[in-house]
Amino acid sequence: MKKELLEQLESLRIDVDTETQYCDPTGELRARYEKANEMLDECIAIVDKYMVDNYNYYEDEKGRIYDYCRENGLSLTDEDLVDRLWDVDYITGNQTGYDTEENCQIYVGQNLDLAKEAFDAFGTTLKDIPEDNPAIYIDATIRCYLLQILIWELQGENTL
């Protein structure tokens, strides 16, 4: 998505020399076009710095669960697998948080529907969210919510 947006922005760039070659005797049009290109450069820089492609909790968590089980000799058919993975920060972020507050804000912000789904499933309300690091809390809630769902999905794929 980020790449496509940057390409679209870049396509708006004005070829000043071509556009002003025959019809700008005073140079006023050229100055306006150059200013427009400068503003476009500022927009591109902001998008490039702050926009990340949509974070996909499903794919990221599924890969983490699979890798963790494989690396630690766990079977996806273990009856207590959810309990064993629940407190693994690498999987759920349930102990100290999976990532920084800033990154979690990005992840959660791109997945508000999934956050609502997780809150509904756990009966979580806005009053439950701590004032300190709220995005980390919401991020961990989403990861915990997906844990059982993704284990079932991996079991169906018979990957371990």
N, C-alpha and C. Protein backbone atom coordinates (compact mmCIF):
# COMPACT_ATOMS: atom_id res chain seq x y z
N MET A 1 0.82 -1.19 0.00
CA MET A 1 0.00 0.00 0.00
C MET A 1 0.87 1.26 0.00
N LYS A 2 1.92 1.24 0.83
CA LYS A 2 2.81 2.39 0.90
C LYS A 2 3.47 2.63 -0.46
N LYS A 3 3.95 1.56 -1.06
CA LYS A 3 4.62 1.68 -2.36
C LYS A 3 3.68 2.28 -3.40
N GLU A 4 2.44 1.79 -3.41
CA GLU A 4 1.47 2.27 -4.39
C GLU A 4 1.16 3.75 -4.17
N LEU A 5 1.03 4.14 -2.90
CA LEU A 5 0.75 5.54 -2.59
C LEU A 5 1.91 6.44 -3.01
N LEU A 6 3.13 5.99 -2.73
CA LEU A 6 4.30 6.78 -3.14
C LEU A 6 4.36 6.91 -4.67
N GLU A 7 4.02 5.84 -5.37
CA GLU A 7 4.01 5.89 -6.83
C GLU A 7 2.94 6.87 -7.33
N GLN A 8 1.77 6.84 -6.70
CA GLN A 8 0.70 7.76 -7.09
C GLN A 8 1.11 9.21 -6.84
N LEU A 9 1.72 9.46 -5.70
CA LEU A 9 2.18 10.82 -5.41
C LEU A 9 3.23 11.26 -6.43
N GLU A 10 4.15 10.38 -6.72
CA GLU A 10 5.21 10.71 -7.66
C GLU A 10 4.64 11.01 -9.05
N SER A 11 3.55 10.33 -9.41
CA SER A 11 2.94 10.56 -10.73
C SER A 11 2.33 11.96 -10.84
N LEU A 12 2.14 12.62 -9.71
CA LEU A 12 1.58 13.97 -9.72
C LEU A 12 2.65 15.04 -10.01
N ARG A 13 3.90 14.63 -9.99
CA ARG A 13 4.99 15.57 -10.21
C ARG A 13 4.83 16.25 -11.57
N ILE A 14 5.09 17.52 -11.60
CA ILE A 14 4.95 18.31 -12.82
C ILE A 14 6.32 18.44 -13.49
N ASP A 15 6.36 18.11 -14.77
CA ASP A 15 7.58 18.32 -15.54
C ASP A 15 7.61 19.80 -15.92
N VAL A 16 8.28 20.57 -15.11
CA VAL A 16 8.26 22.03 -15.22
C VAL A 16 8.77 22.48 -16.59
N ASP A 17 9.86 21.90 -17.06
CA ASP A 17 10.43 22.34 -18.34
C ASP A 17 9.44 22.11 -19.49
N THR A 18 8.82 20.95 -19.52
CA THR A 18 7.87 20.65 -20.60
C THR A 18 6.64 21.53 -20.51
N GLU A 19 6.10 21.71 -19.32
CA GLU A 19 4.85 22.44 -19.14
C GLU A 19 5.01 23.95 -19.35
N THR A 20 6.19 24.46 -19.19
CA THR A 20 6.36 25.92 -19.30
C THR A 20 7.17 26.33 -20.52
N GLN A 21 7.53 25.40 -21.33
CA GLN A 21 8.41 25.65 -22.46
C GLN A 21 7.89 26.73 -23.41
N TYR A 22 6.61 26.73 -23.74
CA TYR A 22 6.08 27.65 -24.74
C TYR A 22 5.11 28.70 -24.20
N CYS A 23 4.66 28.56 -22.97
CA CYS A 23 3.55 29.42 -22.54
C CYS A 23 3.80 30.15 -21.22
N ASP A 24 5.03 30.47 -20.89
CA ASP A 24 5.29 31.12 -19.61
C ASP A 24 6.34 32.22 -19.76
N PRO A 25 5.99 33.28 -20.47
CA PRO A 25 6.98 34.33 -20.72
C PRO A 25 7.45 35.05 -19.45
N THR A 26 6.64 35.11 -18.42
CA THR A 26 7.02 35.83 -17.19
C THR A 26 7.70 34.95 -16.16
N GLY A 27 7.59 33.63 -16.32
CA GLY A 27 8.19 32.71 -15.35
C GLY A 27 7.30 32.46 -14.14
N GLU A 28 6.14 33.09 -14.11
CA GLU A 28 5.25 32.93 -12.97
C GLU A 28 4.73 31.50 -12.87
N LEU A 29 4.35 30.93 -13.99
CA LEU A 29 3.84 29.56 -14.01
C LEU A 29 4.93 28.58 -13.57
N ARG A 30 6.13 28.80 -14.04
CA ARG A 30 7.26 27.94 -13.65
C ARG A 30 7.46 27.97 -12.13
N ALA A 31 7.40 29.15 -11.54
CA ALA A 31 7.57 29.29 -10.09
C ALA A 31 6.47 28.54 -9.34
N ARG A 32 5.24 28.62 -9.83
CA ARG A 32 4.13 27.91 -9.19
C ARG A 32 4.32 26.40 -9.29
N TYR A 33 4.71 25.93 -10.45
CA TYR A 33 4.94 24.49 -10.63
C TYR A 33 6.08 24.00 -9.75
N GLU A 34 7.13 24.78 -9.64
CA GLU A 34 8.26 24.38 -8.79
C GLU A 34 7.83 24.33 -7.33
N LYS A 35 7.00 25.28 -6.91
CA LYS A 35 6.48 25.29 -5.54
C LYS A 35 5.60 24.07 -5.32
N ALA A 36 4.78 23.73 -6.28
CA ALA A 36 3.92 22.54 -6.17
C ALA A 36 4.77 21.28 -6.03
N ASN A 37 5.85 21.19 -6.79
CA ASN A 37 6.74 20.03 -6.70
C ASN A 37 7.43 19.98 -5.33
N GLU A 38 7.78 21.13 -4.78
CA GLU A 38 8.38 21.16 -3.44
C GLU A 38 7.39 20.64 -2.40
N MET A 39 6.15 21.07 -2.51
CA MET A 39 5.12 20.60 -1.58
C MET A 39 4.90 19.10 -1.74
N LEU A 40 4.94 18.62 -2.96
CA LEU A 40 4.81 17.19 -3.22
C LEU A 40 5.96 16.43 -2.58
N ASP A 41 7.17 16.96 -2.68
CA ASP A 41 8.33 16.32 -2.04
C ASP A 41 8.13 16.21 -0.54
N GLU A 42 7.56 17.24 0.08
CA GLU A 42 7.29 17.20 1.52
C GLU A 42 6.27 16.12 1.86
N CYS A 43 5.23 16.00 1.04
CA CYS A 43 4.22 14.96 1.26
C CYS A 43 4.83 13.57 1.12
N ILE A 44 5.64 13.38 0.11
CA ILE A 44 6.28 12.08 -0.11
C ILE A 44 7.18 11.73 1.07
N ALA A 45 7.92 12.71 1.58
CA ALA A 45 8.80 12.47 2.72
C ALA A 45 8.00 12.05 3.96
N ILE A 46 6.86 12.67 4.19
CA ILE A 46 6.02 12.33 5.34
C ILE A 46 5.47 10.91 5.19
N VAL A 47 4.94 10.60 4.02
CA VAL A 47 4.40 9.26 3.78
C VAL A 47 5.50 8.22 3.94
N ASP A 48 6.66 8.49 3.37
CA ASP A 48 7.77 7.54 3.44
C ASP A 48 8.22 7.31 4.88
N LYS A 49 8.21 8.34 5.69
CA LYS A 49 8.69 8.23 7.07
C LYS A 49 7.67 7.55 7.98
N TYR A 50 6.40 7.90 7.85
CA TYR A 50 5.43 7.49 8.85
C TYR A 50 4.48 6.36 8.44
N MET A 51 4.37 6.10 7.17
CA MET A 51 3.41 5.09 6.76
C MET A 51 4.09 3.74 6.63
N VAL A 52 3.48 2.75 7.24
CA VAL A 52 3.95 1.39 7.08
C VAL A 52 2.84 0.62 6.39
N ASP A 53 3.22 -0.43 5.69
CA ASP A 53 2.20 -1.26 5.10
C ASP A 53 1.34 -1.85 6.21
N ASN A 54 0.10 -2.12 5.91
CA ASN A 54 -0.80 -2.63 6.95
C ASN A 54 -0.21 -3.84 7.65
N TYR A 55 -0.22 -3.77 8.95
CA TYR A 55 0.30 -4.85 9.77
C TYR A 55 -0.74 -5.96 9.81
N ASN A 56 -0.31 -7.18 9.53
CA ASN A 56 -1.20 -8.31 9.47
C ASN A 56 -0.97 -9.20 10.70
N TYR A 57 -1.80 -9.03 11.71
CA TYR A 57 -1.68 -9.82 12.93
C TYR A 57 -1.76 -11.31 12.63
N TYR A 58 -2.68 -11.71 11.77
CA TYR A 58 -2.88 -13.14 11.49
C TYR A 58 -1.60 -13.78 10.98
N GLU A 59 -1.01 -13.20 9.97
CA GLU A 59 0.19 -13.80 9.38
C GLU A 59 1.38 -13.74 10.32
N ASP A 60 1.55 -12.62 11.00
CA ASP A 60 2.68 -12.48 11.91
C ASP A 60 2.57 -13.47 13.07
N GLU A 61 1.42 -13.52 13.69
CA GLU A 61 1.23 -14.41 14.83
C GLU A 61 1.30 -15.88 14.43
N LYS A 62 0.72 -16.19 13.30
CA LYS A 62 0.75 -17.58 12.83
C LYS A 62 2.20 -18.04 12.64
N GLY A 63 3.00 -17.19 12.04
CA GLY A 63 4.41 -17.52 11.85
C GLY A 63 5.15 -17.64 13.17
N ARG A 64 4.85 -16.76 14.11
CA ARG A 64 5.50 -16.81 15.43
C ARG A 64 5.13 -18.09 16.18
N ILE A 65 3.86 -18.46 16.15
CA ILE A 65 3.43 -19.68 16.83
C ILE A 65 4.13 -20.89 16.22
N TYR A 66 4.11 -20.96 14.91
CA TYR A 66 4.75 -22.08 14.22
C TYR A 66 6.24 -22.15 14.55
N ASP A 67 6.94 -21.02 14.43
CA ASP A 67 8.38 -20.99 14.70
C ASP A 67 8.69 -21.37 16.14
N TYR A 68 7.92 -20.82 17.07
CA TYR A 68 8.18 -21.09 18.49
C TYR A 68 7.97 -22.58 18.79
N CYS A 69 6.91 -23.15 18.28
CA CYS A 69 6.66 -24.58 18.51
C CYS A 69 7.76 -25.43 17.90
N ARG A 70 8.16 -25.12 16.70
CA ARG A 70 9.20 -25.88 16.02
C ARG A 70 10.53 -25.78 16.77
N GLU A 71 10.89 -24.56 17.17
CA GLU A 71 12.18 -24.33 17.84
C GLU A 71 12.21 -24.90 19.26
N ASN A 72 11.04 -25.08 19.88
CA ASN A 72 11.00 -25.55 21.27
C ASN A 72 10.44 -26.97 21.39
N GLY A 73 10.34 -27.67 20.27
CA GLY A 73 9.91 -29.07 20.29
C GLY A 73 8.48 -29.28 20.76
N LEU A 74 7.63 -28.30 20.53
CA LEU A 74 6.23 -28.42 20.93
C LEU A 74 5.40 -28.90 19.75
N SER A 75 4.37 -29.67 20.06
CA SER A 75 3.46 -30.14 19.03
C SER A 75 2.21 -29.30 19.04
N LEU A 76 1.68 -29.03 17.88
CA LEU A 76 0.43 -28.27 17.79
C LEU A 76 -0.74 -29.05 18.36
N THR A 77 -0.56 -30.33 18.58
CA THR A 77 -1.64 -31.15 19.14
C THR A 77 -1.58 -31.22 20.66
N ASP A 78 -0.57 -30.61 21.28
CA ASP A 78 -0.49 -30.58 22.74
C ASP A 78 -1.76 -29.92 23.28
N GLU A 79 -2.42 -30.60 24.22
CA GLU A 79 -3.68 -30.08 24.75
C GLU A 79 -3.51 -28.77 25.50
N ASP A 80 -2.36 -28.58 26.11
CA ASP A 80 -2.14 -27.38 26.91
C ASP A 80 -1.34 -26.31 26.16
N LEU A 81 -1.34 -26.39 24.83
CA LEU A 81 -0.51 -25.47 24.04
C LEU A 81 -0.90 -24.01 24.25
N VAL A 82 -2.19 -23.73 24.29
CA VAL A 82 -2.62 -22.33 24.52
C VAL A 82 -2.08 -21.84 25.86
N ASP A 83 -2.23 -22.65 26.90
CA ASP A 83 -1.73 -22.27 28.22
C ASP A 83 -0.22 -22.07 28.21
N ARG A 84 0.49 -22.92 27.49
CA ARG A 84 1.96 -22.83 27.45
C ARG A 84 2.43 -21.59 26.70
N LEU A 85 1.67 -21.16 25.70
CA LEU A 85 2.08 -20.02 24.89
C LEU A 85 1.53 -18.70 25.40
N TRP A 86 0.55 -18.74 26.27
CA TRP A 86 -0.15 -17.55 26.74
C TRP A 86 0.80 -16.50 27.31
N ASP A 87 1.79 -16.93 28.09
CA ASP A 87 2.71 -16.00 28.74
C ASP A 87 4.03 -15.81 27.99
N VAL A 88 4.12 -16.30 26.79
CA VAL A 88 5.33 -16.13 25.99
C VAL A 88 5.24 -14.77 25.27
N ASP A 89 6.07 -13.82 25.71
CA ASP A 89 6.02 -12.47 25.13
C ASP A 89 6.19 -12.48 23.62
N TYR A 90 7.03 -13.36 23.13
CA TYR A 90 7.29 -13.46 21.69
C TYR A 90 5.99 -13.76 20.92
N ILE A 91 5.06 -14.42 21.60
CA ILE A 91 3.79 -14.78 20.96
C ILE A 91 2.69 -13.77 21.28
N THR A 92 2.47 -13.49 22.56
CA THR A 92 1.31 -12.68 22.95
C THR A 92 1.65 -11.28 23.45
N GLY A 93 2.87 -11.06 23.89
CA GLY A 93 3.18 -9.77 24.49
C GLY A 93 2.50 -9.62 25.84
N ASN A 94 2.05 -10.72 26.41
CA ASN A 94 1.23 -10.70 27.60
C ASN A 94 1.99 -10.36 28.88
N GLN A 95 3.31 -10.49 28.89
CA GLN A 95 4.09 -10.23 30.10
C GLN A 95 4.60 -8.78 30.14
N THR A 96 5.38 -8.42 29.15
CA THR A 96 5.98 -7.08 29.15
C THR A 96 5.63 -6.27 27.91
N GLY A 97 4.89 -6.87 27.00
CA GLY A 97 4.54 -6.18 25.76
C GLY A 97 5.38 -6.69 24.62
N TYR A 98 4.74 -6.87 23.50
CA TYR A 98 5.39 -7.42 22.33
C TYR A 98 6.33 -6.41 21.68
N ASP A 99 5.97 -5.14 21.68
CA ASP A 99 6.73 -4.12 20.96
C ASP A 99 6.61 -2.80 21.71
N THR A 100 7.12 -1.73 21.11
CA THR A 100 7.04 -0.41 21.74
C THR A 100 5.62 0.14 21.65
N GLU A 101 5.30 1.08 22.50
CA GLU A 101 3.99 1.73 22.48
C GLU A 101 3.74 2.36 21.10
N GLU A 102 4.76 3.00 20.56
CA GLU A 102 4.61 3.67 19.25
C GLU A 102 4.28 2.66 18.15
N ASN A 103 5.01 1.55 18.09
CA ASN A 103 4.73 0.55 17.07
C ASN A 103 3.37 -0.10 17.28
N CYS A 104 3.02 -0.35 18.54
CA CYS A 104 1.72 -0.94 18.83
C CYS A 104 0.59 0.00 18.42
N GLN A 105 0.80 1.30 18.55
CA GLN A 105 -0.20 2.27 18.10
C GLN A 105 -0.43 2.11 16.60
N ILE A 106 0.63 1.90 15.85
CA ILE A 106 0.51 1.70 14.40
C ILE A 106 -0.23 0.40 14.11
N TYR A 107 0.21 -0.70 14.75
CA TYR A 107 -0.42 -2.00 14.50
C TYR A 107 -1.92 -1.96 14.83
N VAL A 108 -2.23 -1.45 16.01
CA VAL A 108 -3.62 -1.41 16.45
C VAL A 108 -4.43 -0.45 15.57
N GLY A 109 -3.85 0.69 15.25
CA GLY A 109 -4.54 1.67 14.42
C GLY A 109 -4.93 1.13 13.06
N GLN A 110 -4.16 0.19 12.56
CA GLN A 110 -4.46 -0.40 11.26
C GLN A 110 -5.38 -1.61 11.38
N ASN A 111 -5.73 -1.97 12.60
CA ASN A 111 -6.53 -3.18 12.82
C ASN A 111 -7.61 -2.95 13.88
N LEU A 112 -8.30 -1.82 13.78
CA LEU A 112 -9.30 -1.48 14.79
C LEU A 112 -10.46 -2.48 14.82
N ASP A 113 -10.84 -3.02 13.69
CA ASP A 113 -11.91 -4.02 13.67
C ASP A 113 -11.50 -5.27 14.45
N LEU A 114 -10.26 -5.67 14.28
CA LEU A 114 -9.75 -6.83 15.01
C LEU A 114 -9.66 -6.54 16.51
N ALA A 115 -9.28 -5.32 16.86
CA ALA A 115 -9.24 -4.93 18.28
C ALA A 115 -10.64 -5.02 18.88
N LYS A 116 -11.63 -4.52 18.17
CA LYS A 116 -13.02 -4.59 18.67
C LYS A 116 -13.46 -6.04 18.82
N GLU A 117 -13.11 -6.86 17.84
CA GLU A 117 -13.46 -8.28 17.89
C GLU A 117 -12.84 -8.95 19.13
N ALA A 118 -11.56 -8.65 19.39
CA ALA A 118 -10.87 -9.22 20.55
C ALA A 118 -11.49 -8.72 21.85
N PHE A 119 -11.79 -7.43 21.91
CA PHE A 119 -12.42 -6.87 23.11
C PHE A 119 -13.78 -7.52 23.37
N ASP A 120 -14.55 -7.69 22.31
CA ASP A 120 -15.86 -8.33 22.45
C ASP A 120 -15.71 -9.77 22.96
N ALA A 121 -14.74 -10.49 22.42
CA ALA A 121 -14.54 -11.88 22.80
C ALA A 121 -14.15 -12.02 24.27
N PHE A 122 -13.35 -11.10 24.78
CA PHE A 122 -12.90 -11.16 26.17
C PHE A 122 -13.77 -10.34 27.12
N GLY A 123 -14.75 -9.64 26.59
CA GLY A 123 -15.59 -8.80 27.43
C GLY A 123 -14.84 -7.58 27.96
N THR A 124 -13.84 -7.14 27.21
CA THR A 124 -13.03 -5.99 27.60
C THR A 124 -13.76 -4.70 27.24
N THR A 125 -13.64 -3.71 28.10
CA THR A 125 -14.23 -2.40 27.81
C THR A 125 -13.12 -1.35 27.86
N LEU A 126 -13.46 -0.15 27.47
CA LEU A 126 -12.47 0.94 27.50
C LEU A 126 -11.96 1.21 28.91
N LYS A 127 -12.81 0.93 29.91
CA LYS A 127 -12.39 1.14 31.30
C LYS A 127 -11.28 0.18 31.71
N ASP A 128 -11.15 -0.94 31.00
CA ASP A 128 -10.13 -1.94 31.33
C ASP A 128 -8.74 -1.55 30.83
N ILE A 129 -8.67 -0.62 29.90
CA ILE A 129 -7.39 -0.25 29.29
C ILE A 129 -6.61 0.63 30.26
N PRO A 130 -5.38 0.25 30.57
CA PRO A 130 -4.58 1.06 31.49
C PRO A 130 -4.17 2.39 30.85
N GLU A 131 -3.96 3.38 31.68
CA GLU A 131 -3.54 4.69 31.16
C GLU A 131 -2.11 4.63 30.63
N ASP A 132 -1.26 3.84 31.27
CA ASP A 132 0.12 3.69 30.81
C ASP A 132 0.16 2.66 29.69
N ASN A 133 0.71 3.03 28.57
CA ASN A 133 0.90 2.13 27.42
C ASN A 133 -0.39 1.43 26.97
N PRO A 134 -1.41 2.18 26.66
CA PRO A 134 -2.68 1.55 26.26
C PRO A 134 -2.57 0.73 24.98
N ALA A 135 -1.76 1.17 24.04
CA ALA A 135 -1.65 0.43 22.77
C ALA A 135 -0.99 -0.93 22.99
N ILE A 136 -0.05 -1.01 23.92
CA ILE A 136 0.59 -2.30 24.22
C ILE A 136 -0.46 -3.25 24.79
N TYR A 137 -1.32 -2.76 25.65
CA TYR A 137 -2.39 -3.58 26.23
C TYR A 137 -3.32 -4.09 25.12
N ILE A 138 -3.74 -3.21 24.24
CA ILE A 138 -4.65 -3.60 23.17
C ILE A 138 -3.97 -4.59 22.23
N ASP A 139 -2.70 -4.34 21.93
CA ASP A 139 -1.93 -5.25 21.07
C ASP A 139 -1.88 -6.65 21.69
N ALA A 140 -1.59 -6.74 22.98
CA ALA A 140 -1.52 -8.04 23.65
C ALA A 140 -2.90 -8.70 23.66
N THR A 141 -3.95 -7.92 23.81
CA THR A 141 -5.31 -8.47 23.79
C THR A 141 -5.60 -9.12 22.44
N ILE A 142 -5.21 -8.45 21.37
CA ILE A 142 -5.41 -9.00 20.02
C ILE A 142 -4.62 -10.29 19.86
N ARG A 143 -3.36 -10.28 20.27
CA ARG A 143 -2.50 -11.46 20.12
C ARG A 143 -3.04 -12.65 20.93
N CYS A 144 -3.51 -12.39 22.14
CA CYS A 144 -4.10 -13.46 22.95
C CYS A 144 -5.38 -14.00 22.31
N TYR A 145 -6.17 -13.11 21.78
CA TYR A 145 -7.41 -13.50 21.11
C TYR A 145 -7.13 -14.43 19.93
N LEU A 146 -6.10 -14.11 19.18
CA LEU A 146 -5.78 -14.90 17.98
C LEU A 146 -5.10 -16.22 18.29
N LEU A 147 -4.55 -16.37 19.48
CA LEU A 147 -3.75 -17.55 19.80
C LEU A 147 -4.47 -18.86 19.50
N GLN A 148 -5.64 -19.07 20.09
CA GLN A 148 -6.36 -20.34 19.87
C GLN A 148 -6.81 -20.47 18.42
N ILE A 149 -7.29 -19.40 17.84
CA ILE A 149 -7.75 -19.44 16.44
C ILE A 149 -6.64 -19.90 15.51
N LEU A 150 -5.44 -19.34 15.71
CA LEU A 150 -4.33 -19.67 14.82
C LEU A 150 -3.76 -21.06 15.10
N ILE A 151 -3.82 -21.51 16.33
CA ILE A 151 -3.40 -22.89 16.62
C ILE A 151 -4.32 -23.86 15.89
N TRP A 152 -5.63 -23.61 15.95
CA TRP A 152 -6.57 -24.47 15.23
C TRP A 152 -6.28 -24.45 13.73
N GLU A 153 -5.98 -23.27 13.21
CA GLU A 153 -5.68 -23.16 11.78
C GLU A 153 -4.41 -23.94 11.44
N LEU A 154 -3.39 -23.82 12.25
CA LEU A 154 -2.15 -24.56 12.00
C LEU A 154 -2.36 -26.06 12.13
N GLN A 155 -3.21 -26.48 13.08
CA GLN A 155 -3.52 -27.89 13.23
C GLN A 155 -4.19 -28.42 11.96
N GLY A 156 -5.06 -27.62 11.39
CA GLY A 156 -5.74 -28.01 10.15
C GLY A 156 -4.81 -28.14 8.97
N GLU A 157 -3.70 -27.42 9.04
CA GLU A 157 -2.71 -27.49 7.96
C GLU A 157 -1.71 -28.62 8.18
N ASN A 158 -1.77 -29.25 9.38
CA ASN A 158 -0.82 -30.33 9.74
C ASN A 158 0.61 -29.92 9.49
N THR A 159 1.00 -28.73 9.96
CA THR A 159 2.33 -28.23 9.66
C THR A 159 3.41 -28.72 10.61
N LEU A 160 3.06 -29.25 11.77
CA LEU A 160 4.08 -29.80 12.69
C LEU A 160 3.74 -31.21 13.06
